[in-house]
Amino acid sequence: MDKKSCYVCEKDGLSKNEIGLTKRLLGKNSQRFYCLDCLAECLEVDTEFLLVKVEEFKEQGCELF
């Protein structure tokens, strides 16, 4: 499996949660991935909000995480 890097800051080795969250919020077929900080900035929310969403999606059984 290829290591993904952030489209904005080029952080290497994004986590499964960062990749899953990008796909869940920006589209399942997204080819551009974002680290948590850059995704929060892009969506104009704070990182804590995104971390809560990750847990909610996991509880819902989302297979992207």
PDB file of N, CA and C in Angstrom:
ATOM      1  N   MET A   1       0.845  -1.189   0.000  1.00  0.00           N
ATOM      2  CA  MET A   1       0.000   0.000   0.000  1.00  0.00           C
ATOM      3  C   MET A   1       0.884   1.244   0.000  1.00  0.00           C
ATOM      4  N   ASP A   2       0.568   2.190  -0.865  1.00  0.00           N
ATOM      5  CA  ASP A   2       1.317   3.435  -0.942  1.00  0.00           C
ATOM      6  C   ASP A   2       1.075   4.276   0.300  1.00  0.00           C
ATOM      7  N   LYS A   3       2.156   4.901   0.758  1.00  0.00           N
ATOM      8  CA  LYS A   3       2.009   5.878   1.837  1.00  0.00           C
ATOM      9  C   LYS A   3       1.449   7.148   1.216  1.00  0.00           C
ATOM     10  N   LYS A   4       0.384   7.650   1.787  1.00  0.00           N
ATOM     11  CA  LYS A   4      -0.238   8.877   1.293  1.00  0.00           C
ATOM     12  C   LYS A   4       0.382  10.073   1.994  1.00  0.00           C
ATOM     13  N   SER A   5       0.429  11.191   1.277  1.00  0.00           N
ATOM     14  CA  SER A   5       0.917  12.432   1.877  1.00  0.00           C
ATOM     15  C   SER A   5      -0.122  13.526   1.692  1.00  0.00           C
ATOM     16  N   CYS A   6      -0.056  14.530   2.555  1.00  0.00           N
ATOM     17  CA  CYS A   6      -1.013  15.629   2.532  1.00  0.00           C
ATOM     18  C   CYS A   6      -0.818  16.465   1.264  1.00  0.00           C
ATOM     19  N   TYR A   7      -1.910  16.756   0.621  1.00  0.00           N
ATOM     20  CA  TYR A   7      -1.910  17.543  -0.608  1.00  0.00           C
ATOM     21  C   TYR A   7      -1.415  18.964  -0.361  1.00  0.00           C
ATOM     22  N   VAL A   8      -1.644  19.507   0.831  1.00  0.00           N
ATOM     23  CA  VAL A   8      -1.291  20.896   1.128  1.00  0.00           C
ATOM     24  C   VAL A   8       0.115  21.018   1.705  1.00  0.00           C
ATOM     25  N   CYS A   9       0.369  20.353   2.835  1.00  0.00           N
ATOM     26  CA  CYS A   9       1.643  20.539   3.537  1.00  0.00           C
ATOM     27  C   CYS A   9       2.660  19.431   3.236  1.00  0.00           C
ATOM     28  N   GLU A  10       2.225  18.422   2.514  1.00  0.00           N
ATOM     29  CA  GLU A  10       3.070  17.290   2.097  1.00  0.00           C
ATOM     30  C   GLU A  10       3.546  16.419   3.255  1.00  0.00           C
ATOM     31  N   LYS A  11       2.834  16.467   4.388  1.00  0.00           N
ATOM     32  CA  LYS A  11       3.140  15.561   5.503  1.00  0.00           C
ATOM     33  C   LYS A  11       3.046  14.126   4.991  1.00  0.00           C
ATOM     34  N   ASP A  12       4.079  13.349   5.244  1.00  0.00           N
ATOM     35  CA  ASP A  12       4.114  11.962   4.797  1.00  0.00           C
ATOM     36  C   ASP A  12       3.423  11.034   5.786  1.00  0.00           C
ATOM     37  N   GLY A  13       2.957   9.906   5.273  1.00  0.00           N
ATOM     38  CA  GLY A  13       2.419   8.851   6.117  1.00  0.00           C
ATOM     39  C   GLY A  13       1.132   9.201   6.833  1.00  0.00           C
ATOM     40  N   LEU A  14       0.142   9.663   6.081  1.00  0.00           N
ATOM     41  CA  LEU A  14      -1.134   9.997   6.704  1.00  0.00           C
ATOM     42  C   LEU A  14      -1.745   8.761   7.360  1.00  0.00           C
ATOM     43  N   SER A  15      -2.453   8.986   8.447  1.00  0.00           N
ATOM     44  CA  SER A  15      -3.088   7.886   9.176  1.00  0.00           C
ATOM     45  C   SER A  15      -4.329   7.400   8.434  1.00  0.00           C
ATOM     46  N   LYS A  16      -4.772   6.221   8.819  1.00  0.00           N
ATOM     47  CA  LYS A  16      -6.006   5.668   8.242  1.00  0.00           C
ATOM     48  C   LYS A  16      -7.179   6.604   8.526  1.00  0.00           C
ATOM     49  N   ASN A  17      -7.182   7.230   9.704  1.00  0.00           N
ATOM     50  CA  ASN A  17      -8.256   8.166  10.034  1.00  0.00           C
ATOM     51  C   ASN A  17      -8.231   9.402   9.142  1.00  0.00           C
ATOM     52  N   GLU A  18      -7.040   9.923   8.856  1.00  0.00           N
ATOM     53  CA  GLU A  18      -6.936  11.102   7.989  1.00  0.00           C
ATOM     54  C   GLU A  18      -7.392  10.766   6.567  1.00  0.00           C
ATOM     55  N   ILE A  19      -6.996   9.626   6.069  1.00  0.00           N
ATOM     56  CA  ILE A  19      -7.398   9.202   4.728  1.00  0.00           C
ATOM     57  C   ILE A  19      -8.906   8.945   4.680  1.00  0.00           C
ATOM     58  N   GLY A  20      -9.410   8.229   5.670  1.00  0.00           N
ATOM     59  CA  GLY A  20     -10.840   7.937   5.726  1.00  0.00           C
ATOM     60  C   GLY A  20     -11.687   9.185   5.849  1.00  0.00           C
ATOM     61  N   LEU A  21     -11.233  10.120   6.665  1.00  0.00           N
ATOM     62  CA  LEU A  21     -11.985  11.361   6.852  1.00  0.00           C
ATOM     63  C   LEU A  21     -12.012  12.184   5.573  1.00  0.00           C
ATOM     64  N   THR A  22     -10.886  12.251   4.886  1.00  0.00           N
ATOM     65  CA  THR A  22     -10.846  12.957   3.597  1.00  0.00           C
ATOM     66  C   THR A  22     -11.852  12.342   2.639  1.00  0.00           C
ATOM     67  N   LYS A  23     -11.845  11.019   2.538  1.00  0.00           N
ATOM     68  CA  LYS A  23     -12.770  10.345   1.622  1.00  0.00           C
ATOM     69  C   LYS A  23     -14.219  10.549   2.041  1.00  0.00           C
ATOM     70  N   ARG A  24     -14.478  10.475   3.333  1.00  0.00           N
ATOM     71  CA  ARG A  24     -15.855  10.614   3.824  1.00  0.00           C
ATOM     72  C   ARG A  24     -16.396  12.023   3.580  1.00  0.00           C
ATOM     73  N   LEU A  25     -15.567  13.036   3.786  1.00  0.00           N
ATOM     74  CA  LEU A  25     -16.037  14.413   3.693  1.00  0.00           C
ATOM     75  C   LEU A  25     -15.888  15.029   2.305  1.00  0.00           C
ATOM     76  N   LEU A  26     -14.912  14.570   1.523  1.00  0.00           N
ATOM     77  CA  LEU A  26     -14.661  15.190   0.221  1.00  0.00           C
ATOM     78  C   LEU A  26     -14.987  14.279  -0.961  1.00  0.00           C
ATOM     79  N   GLY A  27     -15.363  13.046  -0.677  1.00  0.00           N
ATOM     80  CA  GLY A  27     -15.743  12.132  -1.750  1.00  0.00           C
ATOM     81  C   GLY A  27     -14.921  10.860  -1.729  1.00  0.00           C
ATOM     82  N   LYS A  28     -15.600   9.745  -1.844  1.00  0.00           N
ATOM     83  CA  LYS A  28     -14.968   8.441  -1.749  1.00  0.00           C
ATOM     84  C   LYS A  28     -13.877   8.232  -2.790  1.00  0.00           C
ATOM     85  N   ASN A  29     -13.997   8.893  -3.929  1.00  0.00           N
ATOM     86  CA  ASN A  29     -13.020   8.732  -5.011  1.00  0.00           C
ATOM     87  C   ASN A  29     -11.921   9.788  -4.986  1.00  0.00           C
ATOM     88  N   SER A  30     -11.830  10.528  -3.892  1.00  0.00           N
ATOM     89  CA  SER A  30     -10.832  11.585  -3.787  1.00  0.00           C
ATOM     90  C   SER A  30      -9.422  11.028  -3.984  1.00  0.00           C
ATOM     91  N   GLN A  31      -8.635  11.723  -4.759  1.00  0.00           N
ATOM     92  CA  GLN A  31      -7.237  11.355  -4.989  1.00  0.00           C
ATOM     93  C   GLN A  31      -6.288  12.289  -4.251  1.00  0.00           C
ATOM     94  N   ARG A  32      -6.811  13.334  -3.657  1.00  0.00           N
ATOM     95  CA  ARG A  32      -6.031  14.286  -2.873  1.00  0.00           C
ATOM     96  C   ARG A  32      -6.405  14.089  -1.416  1.00  0.00           C
ATOM     97  N   PHE A  33      -5.403  13.847  -0.599  1.00  0.00           N
ATOM     98  CA  PHE A  33      -5.645  13.579   0.809  1.00  0.00           C
ATOM     99  C   PHE A  33      -5.064  14.698   1.656  1.00  0.00           C
ATOM    100  N   TYR A  34      -5.650  14.885   2.840  1.00  0.00           N
ATOM    101  CA  TYR A  34      -5.278  15.981   3.720  1.00  0.00           C
ATOM    102  C   TYR A  34      -4.978  15.459   5.118  1.00  0.00           C
ATOM    103  N   CYS A  35      -3.961  16.051   5.756  1.00  0.00           N
ATOM    104  CA  CYS A  35      -3.733  15.763   7.172  1.00  0.00           C
ATOM    105  C   CYS A  35      -4.865  16.441   7.946  1.00  0.00           C
ATOM    106  N   LEU A  36      -4.991  16.094   9.205  1.00  0.00           N
ATOM    107  CA  LEU A  36      -6.081  16.622  10.018  1.00  0.00           C
ATOM    108  C   LEU A  36      -6.066  18.147  10.073  1.00  0.00           C
ATOM    109  N   ASP A  37      -4.887  18.737  10.257  1.00  0.00           N
ATOM    110  CA  ASP A  37      -4.799  20.199  10.360  1.00  0.00           C
ATOM    111  C   ASP A  37      -5.192  20.891   9.056  1.00  0.00           C
ATOM    112  N   CYS A  38      -4.705  20.389   7.931  1.00  0.00           N
ATOM    113  CA  CYS A  38      -5.024  21.016   6.636  1.00  0.00           C
ATOM    114  C   CYS A  38      -6.483  20.804   6.253  1.00  0.00           C
ATOM    115  N   LEU A  39      -7.040  19.635   6.592  1.00  0.00           N
ATOM    116  CA  LEU A  39      -8.456  19.387   6.306  1.00  0.00           C
ATOM    117  C   LEU A  39      -9.318  20.331   7.138  1.00  0.00           C
ATOM    118  N   ALA A  40      -8.958  20.526   8.390  1.00  0.00           N
ATOM    119  CA  ALA A  40      -9.711  21.456   9.247  1.00  0.00           C
ATOM    120  C   ALA A  40      -9.675  22.865   8.677  1.00  0.00           C
ATOM    121  N   GLU A  41      -8.507  23.284   8.227  1.00  0.00           N
ATOM    122  CA  GLU A  41      -8.381  24.620   7.643  1.00  0.00           C
ATOM    123  C   GLU A  41      -9.208  24.724   6.357  1.00  0.00           C
ATOM    124  N   CYS A  42      -9.143  23.716   5.531  1.00  0.00           N
ATOM    125  CA  CYS A  42      -9.892  23.696   4.268  1.00  0.00           C
ATOM    126  C   CYS A  42     -11.398  23.796   4.515  1.00  0.00           C
ATOM    127  N   LEU A  43     -11.877  23.103   5.551  1.00  0.00           N
ATOM    128  CA  LEU A  43     -13.312  23.074   5.843  1.00  0.00           C
ATOM    129  C   LEU A  43     -13.748  24.156   6.831  1.00  0.00           C
ATOM    130  N   GLU A  44     -12.767  24.949   7.293  1.00  0.00           N
ATOM    131  CA  GLU A  44     -13.022  26.036   8.241  1.00  0.00           C
ATOM    132  C   GLU A  44     -13.688  25.544   9.523  1.00  0.00           C
ATOM    133  N   VAL A  45     -13.130  24.458  10.075  1.00  0.00           N
ATOM    134  CA  VAL A  45     -13.552  23.926  11.368  1.00  0.00           C
ATOM    135  C   VAL A  45     -12.284  23.665  12.183  1.00  0.00           C
ATOM    136  N   ASP A  46     -12.437  23.334  13.466  1.00  0.00           N
ATOM    137  CA  ASP A  46     -11.243  23.018  14.242  1.00  0.00           C
ATOM    138  C   ASP A  46     -10.987  21.509  14.235  1.00  0.00           C
ATOM    139  N   THR A  47      -9.778  21.145  14.595  1.00  0.00           N
ATOM    140  CA  THR A  47      -9.393  19.734  14.528  1.00  0.00           C
ATOM    141  C   THR A  47     -10.183  18.889  15.529  1.00  0.00           C
ATOM    142  N   GLU A  48     -10.552  19.471  16.658  1.00  0.00           N
ATOM    143  CA  GLU A  48     -11.350  18.723  17.642  1.00  0.00           C
ATOM    144  C   GLU A  48     -12.679  18.289  17.037  1.00  0.00           C
ATOM    145  N   PHE A  49     -13.307  19.152  16.248  1.00  0.00           N
ATOM    146  CA  PHE A  49     -14.559  18.815  15.580  1.00  0.00           C
ATOM    147  C   PHE A  49     -14.357  17.602  14.668  1.00  0.00           C
ATOM    148  N   LEU A  50     -13.246  17.607  13.924  1.00  0.00           N
ATOM    149  CA  LEU A  50     -12.983  16.490  13.017  1.00  0.00           C
ATOM    150  C   LEU A  50     -12.722  15.195  13.785  1.00  0.00           C
ATOM    151  N   LEU A  51     -12.040  15.273  14.907  1.00  0.00           N
ATOM    152  CA  LEU A  51     -11.793  14.081  15.712  1.00  0.00           C
ATOM    153  C   LEU A  51     -13.100  13.497  16.245  1.00  0.00           C
ATOM    154  N   VAL A  52     -14.021  14.358  16.623  1.00  0.00           N
ATOM    155  CA  VAL A  52     -15.346  13.899  17.060  1.00  0.00           C
ATOM    156  C   VAL A  52     -16.065  13.215  15.905  1.00  0.00           C
ATOM    157  N   LYS A  53     -15.978  13.799  14.709  1.00  0.00           N
ATOM    158  CA  LYS A  53     -16.629  13.206  13.536  1.00  0.00           C
ATOM    159  C   LYS A  53     -16.045  11.831  13.222  1.00  0.00           C
ATOM    160  N   VAL A  54     -14.732  11.664  13.365  1.00  0.00           N
ATOM    161  CA  VAL A  54     -14.103  10.363  13.129  1.00  0.00           C
ATOM    162  C   VAL A  54     -14.747   9.320  14.040  1.00  0.00           C
ATOM    163  N   GLU A  55     -14.884   9.641  15.319  1.00  0.00           N
ATOM    164  CA  GLU A  55     -15.474   8.689  16.265  1.00  0.00           C
ATOM    165  C   GLU A  55     -16.929   8.406  15.921  1.00  0.00           C
ATOM    166  N   GLU A  56     -17.674   9.439  15.518  1.00  0.00           N
ATOM    167  CA  GLU A  56     -19.073   9.241  15.118  1.00  0.00           C
ATOM    168  C   GLU A  56     -19.168   8.306  13.911  1.00  0.00           C
ATOM    169  N   PHE A  57     -18.329   8.534  12.920  1.00  0.00           N
ATOM    170  CA  PHE A  57     -18.360   7.697  11.718  1.00  0.00           C
ATOM    171  C   PHE A  57     -17.978   6.257  12.048  1.00  0.00           C
ATOM    172  N   LYS A  58     -17.016   6.068  12.933  1.00  0.00           N
ATOM    173  CA  LYS A  58     -16.622   4.727  13.356  1.00  0.00           C
ATOM    174  C   LYS A  58     -17.783   4.025  14.047  1.00  0.00           C
ATOM    175  N   GLU A  59     -18.477   4.747  14.941  1.00  0.00           N
ATOM    176  CA  GLU A  59     -19.620   4.184  15.663  1.00  0.00           C
ATOM    177  C   GLU A  59     -20.748   3.804  14.712  1.00  0.00           C
ATOM    178  N   GLN A  60     -20.863   4.538  13.596  1.00  0.00           N
ATOM    179  CA  GLN A  60     -21.887   4.245  12.601  1.00  0.00           C
ATOM    180  C   GLN A  60     -21.499   3.052  11.726  1.00  0.00           C
ATOM    181  N   GLY A  61     -20.268   2.592  11.889  1.00  0.00           N
ATOM    182  CA  GLY A  61     -19.812   1.445  11.115  1.00  0.00           C
ATOM    183  C   GLY A  61     -19.223   1.793   9.753  1.00  0.00           C
ATOM    184  N   CYS A  62     -18.827   3.042   9.559  1.00  0.00           N
ATOM    185  CA  CYS A  62     -18.245   3.460   8.292  1.00  0.00           C
ATOM    186  C   CYS A  62     -16.989   2.638   8.012  1.00  0.00           C
ATOM    187  N   GLU A  63     -16.919   2.031   6.851  1.00  0.00           N
ATOM    188  CA  GLU A  63     -15.807   1.144   6.491  1.00  0.00           C
ATOM    189  C   GLU A  63     -14.567   1.884   6.005  1.00  0.00           C
ATOM    190  N   LEU A  64     -14.598   3.203   5.963  1.00  0.00           N
ATOM    191  CA  LEU A  64     -13.442   3.986   5.525  1.00  0.00           C
ATOM    192  C   LEU A  64     -12.407   4.154   6.634  1.00  0.00           C
ATOM    193  N   PHE A  65     -12.767   3.744   7.857  1.00  0.00           N
ATOM    194  CA  PHE A  65     -11.863   3.955   8.997  1.00  0.00           C
ATOM    195  C   PHE A  65     -11.325   2.646   9.522  1.00  0.00           C
TER     196      PHE A  65
END
